[in-house]
Protein backbone atom coordinates (compact mmCIF):
# COMPACT_ATOMS: atom_id res chain seq x y z
CA UNK A 1 -247.29 93.37 -151.59
CA UNK A 2 -247.56 94.00 -147.85
CA UNK A 3 -246.65 97.17 -146.10
CA UNK A 4 -243.29 97.70 -144.47
CA UNK A 5 -243.11 96.94 -140.74
CA UNK A 6 -242.95 99.82 -138.30
CA UNK A 7 -240.45 97.87 -136.22
CA UNK A 8 -236.77 97.29 -137.04
CA UNK A 9 -235.66 93.73 -137.83
CA UNK A 10 -233.65 93.52 -134.60
CA UNK A 11 -236.74 94.34 -132.54
CA UNK A 12 -238.78 91.69 -134.37
CA UNK A 13 -236.08 89.04 -133.86
CA UNK A 14 -235.78 89.97 -130.18
CA UNK A 15 -239.55 89.70 -129.76
CA UNK A 16 -239.54 86.18 -131.25
CA UNK A 17 -236.57 85.16 -129.09
CA UNK A 18 -238.26 86.54 -125.98
CA UNK A 19 -241.44 84.57 -126.66
CA UNK A 20 -239.46 81.39 -127.27
CA UNK A 21 -237.42 81.96 -124.12
CA UNK A 22 -240.62 81.63 -122.09
CA UNK A 23 -240.82 77.99 -123.12
CA UNK A 24 -244.58 78.14 -123.62
CA UNK A 25 -245.21 79.35 -120.07
CA UNK A 26 -246.59 82.69 -121.24
CA UNK A 27 -249.09 83.65 -123.92
CA UNK A 28 -248.39 85.69 -127.02
CA UNK A 29 -250.56 88.45 -125.56
CA UNK A 30 -248.62 88.57 -122.27
CA UNK A 31 -245.22 88.81 -123.97
CA UNK A 32 -246.53 91.24 -126.58
CA UNK A 33 -247.97 93.53 -123.90
CA UNK A 34 -244.49 93.91 -122.39
CA UNK A 35 -243.17 94.93 -125.80
CA UNK A 36 -245.97 97.30 -126.67
CA UNK A 37 -247.22 95.29 -129.66
CA UNK A 38 -250.30 93.16 -130.25
CA UNK A 39 -250.42 89.46 -129.54
CA UNK A 40 -251.38 88.79 -133.15
CA UNK A 41 -248.31 90.66 -134.40
CA UNK A 42 -246.07 88.54 -132.19
CA UNK A 43 -247.84 85.31 -133.16
CA UNK A 44 -247.39 86.14 -136.86
CA UNK A 45 -243.67 86.90 -136.38
CA UNK A 46 -243.10 83.65 -134.47
CA UNK A 47 -244.94 81.66 -137.15
CA UNK A 48 -242.95 83.28 -139.98
CA UNK A 49 -239.68 82.65 -138.14
CA UNK A 50 -240.64 79.03 -137.54
CA UNK A 51 -241.56 78.57 -141.21
CA UNK A 52 -238.16 79.93 -142.23
CA UNK A 53 -236.21 77.70 -139.85
CA UNK A 54 -238.10 74.41 -139.88
CA UNK A 55 -235.93 71.39 -139.70
CA UNK A 56 -236.78 67.80 -139.11
CA UNK A 57 -235.43 66.34 -135.92
CA UNK A 58 -234.70 62.66 -135.73
CA UNK A 59 -237.17 60.79 -133.57
CA UNK A 60 -235.91 58.30 -131.03
CA UNK A 61 -237.17 54.87 -131.89
CA UNK A 62 -236.62 51.21 -131.49
CA UNK A 63 -233.83 49.71 -133.50
CA UNK A 64 -231.59 52.77 -133.39
CA UNK A 65 -227.92 51.97 -133.50
CA UNK A 66 -225.31 53.64 -131.31
CA UNK A 67 -224.26 56.08 -134.06
CA UNK A 68 -227.85 57.22 -134.64
CA UNK A 69 -228.48 57.55 -130.92
CA UNK A 70 -225.29 59.62 -130.50
CA UNK A 71 -226.31 61.90 -133.38
CA UNK A 72 -229.79 62.33 -131.89
CA UNK A 73 -228.38 63.13 -128.45
CA UNK A 74 -225.92 65.64 -129.90
CA UNK A 75 -228.72 67.38 -131.80
CA UNK A 76 -230.85 67.46 -128.64
CA UNK A 77 -227.92 68.84 -126.65
CA UNK A 78 -227.39 71.59 -129.23
CA UNK A 79 -231.12 72.45 -129.10
CA UNK A 80 -231.05 72.64 -125.31
CA UNK A 81 -227.94 74.81 -125.30
CA UNK A 82 -229.60 77.19 -127.75
CA UNK A 83 -232.74 77.33 -125.58
CA UNK A 84 -230.64 78.08 -122.51
CA UNK A 85 -228.84 80.88 -124.34
CA UNK A 86 -232.18 82.40 -125.38
CA UNK A 87 -233.39 82.18 -121.80
CA UNK A 88 -230.28 83.97 -120.55
CA UNK A 89 -230.79 86.72 -123.13
CA UNK A 90 -234.36 87.38 -122.00
CA UNK A 91 -233.45 90.27 -119.73
CA UNK A 92 -231.24 91.93 -122.34
CA UNK A 93 -234.00 91.61 -124.92
CA UNK A 94 -236.56 93.10 -122.56
CA UNK A 95 -234.20 95.95 -121.77
CA UNK A 96 -233.68 96.77 -125.45
CA UNK A 97 -237.39 96.49 -126.15
CA UNK A 98 -238.20 98.79 -123.26
CA UNK A 99 -235.67 101.32 -124.52
CA UNK A 100 -237.19 101.18 -128.01
CA UNK A 101 -240.72 101.65 -126.69
CA UNK A 102 -239.56 104.48 -124.42
CA UNK A 103 -238.03 106.28 -127.42
CA UNK A 104 -241.28 105.89 -129.36
CA UNK A 105 -243.38 107.24 -126.47
CA UNK A 106 -241.33 110.43 -126.16
């Protein structure tokens, strides 16, 4: 059995959301440095979260009927709306993370 994390679940979820909100424009190490954790810790959390929430997305292809295309577009729209929401929450997440780190430093 592994040891218990030093960080609360909310902090871990916020760290994963913050990394995903960057859309791949920043490295694990860069995001982790802002949070006061290691890049490997963040990478592990993102991987575990991805493993827990994997879902197959339909792939656009030839021969798709209108119903399939509509379903694919609705799924893509939902994914994009979720990504936008995560992006908008980036500042709030950073603020909470900074407050957590500040408490730990005191």
